[in-house]
C-alpha atoms as a PDB file:
ATOM      1  CA  MET A   1      20.739   5.841  -8.378  1.00  0.00           C
ATOM      2  CA  LEU A   2      17.114   6.250  -7.430  1.00  0.00           C
ATOM      3  CA  SER A   3      15.934   5.338 -10.896  1.00  0.00           C
ATOM      4  CA  ASN A   4      18.052   2.114 -10.759  1.00  0.00           C
ATOM      5  CA  PHE A   5      16.224   1.468  -7.725  1.00  0.00           C
ATOM      6  CA  PHE A   6      12.954   1.754  -9.045  1.00  0.00           C
ATOM      7  CA  GLY A   7      13.970  -0.054 -12.231  1.00  0.00           C
ATOM      8  CA  ASN A   8      14.636  -2.922 -10.016  1.00  0.00           C
ATOM      9  CA  ILE A   9      11.569  -3.056  -8.356  1.00  0.00           C
ATOM     10  CA  GLU A  10       9.500  -2.740 -11.478  1.00  0.00           C
ATOM     11  CA  LYS A  11      11.543  -5.903 -13.061  1.00  0.00           C
ATOM     12  CA  LYS A  12      10.797  -7.804  -9.604  1.00  0.00           C
ATOM     13  CA  THR A  13       7.285  -6.965  -9.045  1.00  0.00           C
ATOM     14  CA  GLY A  14       5.835  -5.826 -12.664  1.00  0.00           C
ATOM     15  CA  VAL A  15       4.421  -2.903 -10.830  1.00  0.00           C
ATOM     16  CA  ASN A  16       4.835   0.584 -12.613  1.00  0.00           C
ATOM     17  CA  MET A  17       6.646   2.970 -10.694  1.00  0.00           C
ATOM     18  CA  ASN A  18       5.362   6.046 -12.296  1.00  0.00           C
ATOM     19  CA  GLU A  19       1.767   5.190 -11.564  1.00  0.00           C
ATOM     20  CA  VAL A  20       2.735   4.628  -7.897  1.00  0.00           C
ATOM     21  CA  MET A  21       4.366   7.766  -7.618  1.00  0.00           C
ATOM     22  CA  LYS A  22       0.850   9.158  -9.160  1.00  0.00           C
ATOM     23  CA  LEU A  23      -1.035   7.744  -6.517  1.00  0.00           C
ATOM     24  CA  VAL A  24       1.469   8.607  -3.894  1.00  0.00           C
ATOM     25  CA  GLN A  25       1.173  12.372  -4.916  1.00  0.00           C
ATOM     26  CA  SER A  26      -2.712  12.085  -5.078  1.00  0.00           C
ATOM     27  CA  LEU A  27      -2.429  10.820  -1.503  1.00  0.00           C
ATOM     28  CA  GLN A  28      -0.953  13.934  -0.102  1.00  0.00           C
ATOM     29  CA  ASN A  29      -3.851  15.523   0.828  1.00  0.00           C
ATOM     30  CA  ALA A  30      -6.240  12.418   1.276  1.00  0.00           C
ATOM     31  CA  ASP A  31      -8.201  12.019   4.383  1.00  0.00           C
ATOM     32  CA  LEU A  32      -7.136   8.523   5.420  1.00  0.00           C
ATOM     33  CA  LYS A  33      -9.709   8.421   8.379  1.00  0.00           C
ATOM     34  CA  ASP A  34     -12.572   8.611   5.709  1.00  0.00           C
ATOM     35  CA  GLU A  35     -13.628   4.829   5.067  1.00  0.00           C
ATOM     36  CA  LYS A  36     -14.439   5.744   1.203  1.00  0.00           C
ATOM     37  CA  THR A  37     -11.028   7.171   0.910  1.00  0.00           C
ATOM     38  CA  VAL A  38      -9.416   4.400   2.092  1.00  0.00           C
ATOM     39  CA  ARG A  39     -11.070   1.819  -0.030  1.00  0.00           C
ATOM     40  CA  SER A  40     -10.444   3.487  -2.996  1.00  0.00           C
ATOM     41  CA  VAL A  41      -6.584   3.709  -2.196  1.00  0.00           C
ATOM     42  CA  ILE A  42      -6.525   0.072  -1.462  1.00  0.00           C
ATOM     43  CA  ARG A  43      -8.716  -0.928  -4.756  1.00  0.00           C
ATOM     44  CA  GLU A  44      -6.202   1.571  -6.773  1.00  0.00           C
ATOM     45  CA  LEU A  45      -3.100  -0.169  -5.467  1.00  0.00           C
ATOM     46  CA  ALA A  46      -4.366  -3.652  -6.299  1.00  0.00           C
ATOM     47  CA  LEU A  47      -5.445  -2.476  -9.899  1.00  0.00           C
ATOM     48  CA  ILE A  48      -1.570  -0.992 -10.063  1.00  0.00           C
ATOM     49  CA  ALA A  49       0.032  -4.099  -8.470  1.00  0.00           C
ATOM     50  CA  LYS A  50      -2.446  -6.424 -10.819  1.00  0.00           C
ATOM     51  CA  LYS A  51      -3.474  -8.233  -7.455  1.00  0.00           C
ATOM     52  CA  GLU A  52      -7.028  -9.169  -6.196  1.00  0.00           C
ATOM     53  CA  VAL A  53      -7.868  -8.281  -2.718  1.00  0.00           C
ATOM     54  CA  PRO A  54     -10.350 -10.525  -1.343  1.00  0.00           C
ATOM     55  CA  LYS A  55     -13.183  -8.825   0.519  1.00  0.00           C
ATOM     56  CA  GLU A  56     -12.033 -10.184   3.831  1.00  0.00           C
ATOM     57  CA  LYS A  57      -8.600  -8.983   3.578  1.00  0.00           C
ATOM     58  CA  GLU A  58      -9.608  -5.472   2.226  1.00  0.00           C
ATOM     59  CA  GLU A  59     -12.034  -5.153   5.497  1.00  0.00           C
ATOM     60  CA  LYS A  60      -8.959  -6.214   7.616  1.00  0.00           C
ATOM     61  CA  ILE A  61      -6.589  -3.307   5.967  1.00  0.00           C
ATOM     62  CA  VAL A  62      -9.229  -0.662   6.289  1.00  0.00           C
ATOM     63  CA  LYS A  63      -9.933  -1.564   9.775  1.00  0.00           C
ATOM     64  CA  ALA A  64      -6.181  -1.319  10.591  1.00  0.00           C
ATOM     65  CA  ILE A  65      -6.037   2.005   8.994  1.00  0.00           C
ATOM     66  CA  LEU A  66      -9.074   3.362  10.411  1.00  0.00           C
ATOM     67  CA  ASN A  67      -7.755   2.359  13.819  1.00  0.00           C
ATOM     68  CA  ASN A  68      -4.175   3.726  13.329  1.00  0.00           C
ATOM     69  CA  GLU A  69      -2.999   0.313  13.630  1.00  0.00           C
ATOM     70  CA  VAL A  70      -0.440   0.859  10.817  1.00  0.00           C
ATOM     71  CA  PRO A  71       3.390   0.907  11.528  1.00  0.00           C
ATOM     72  CA  LYS A  72       4.416   4.413  11.488  1.00  0.00           C
ATOM     73  CA  ASP A  73       8.415   3.436  10.371  1.00  0.00           C
ATOM     74  CA  PHE A  74       9.973   0.923   8.234  1.00  0.00           C
ATOM     75  CA  SER A  75      11.401  -1.127  11.091  1.00  0.00           C
ATOM     76  CA  SER A  76       8.034  -1.443  12.674  1.00  0.00           C
ATOM     77  CA  LEU A  77       6.612  -2.570   9.291  1.00  0.00           C
ATOM     78  CA  LEU A  78       9.249  -5.174   9.131  1.00  0.00           C
ATOM     79  CA  LYS A  79       8.436  -6.497  12.677  1.00  0.00           C
ATOM     80  CA  MET A  80       5.013  -6.732  11.677  1.00  0.00           C
ATOM     81  CA  MET A  81       5.270  -8.786   8.469  1.00  0.00           C
ATOM     82  CA  ASP A  82       7.739 -11.077  10.252  1.00  0.00           C
ATOM     83  CA  LYS A  83       5.194 -11.766  12.886  1.00  0.00           C
ATOM     84  CA  LYS A  84       2.387 -12.697  10.072  1.00  0.00           C
ATOM     85  CA  LYS A  85       5.024 -15.117   8.545  1.00  0.00           C
ATOM     86  CA  LYS A  86       5.009 -17.499  11.775  1.00  0.00           C
END
């Protein structure tokens, strides 16, 4: 069932889930309060997703992570994303 889920994500996004899982594993002991580490993760995710992250957007993401402004659960994340659509 989980492999079907990841397969569907890969089909819809073109993102290789094996690469995502490798990145997730590498982050288990990462210091996400370190700006250099956070920037590295953002750039790695951008490469995996084959998306460009403009410098201004990278700055906002880094600031949010370093200031602990990132939602802790899925429902909060959805609420945050919904607000940005409006």
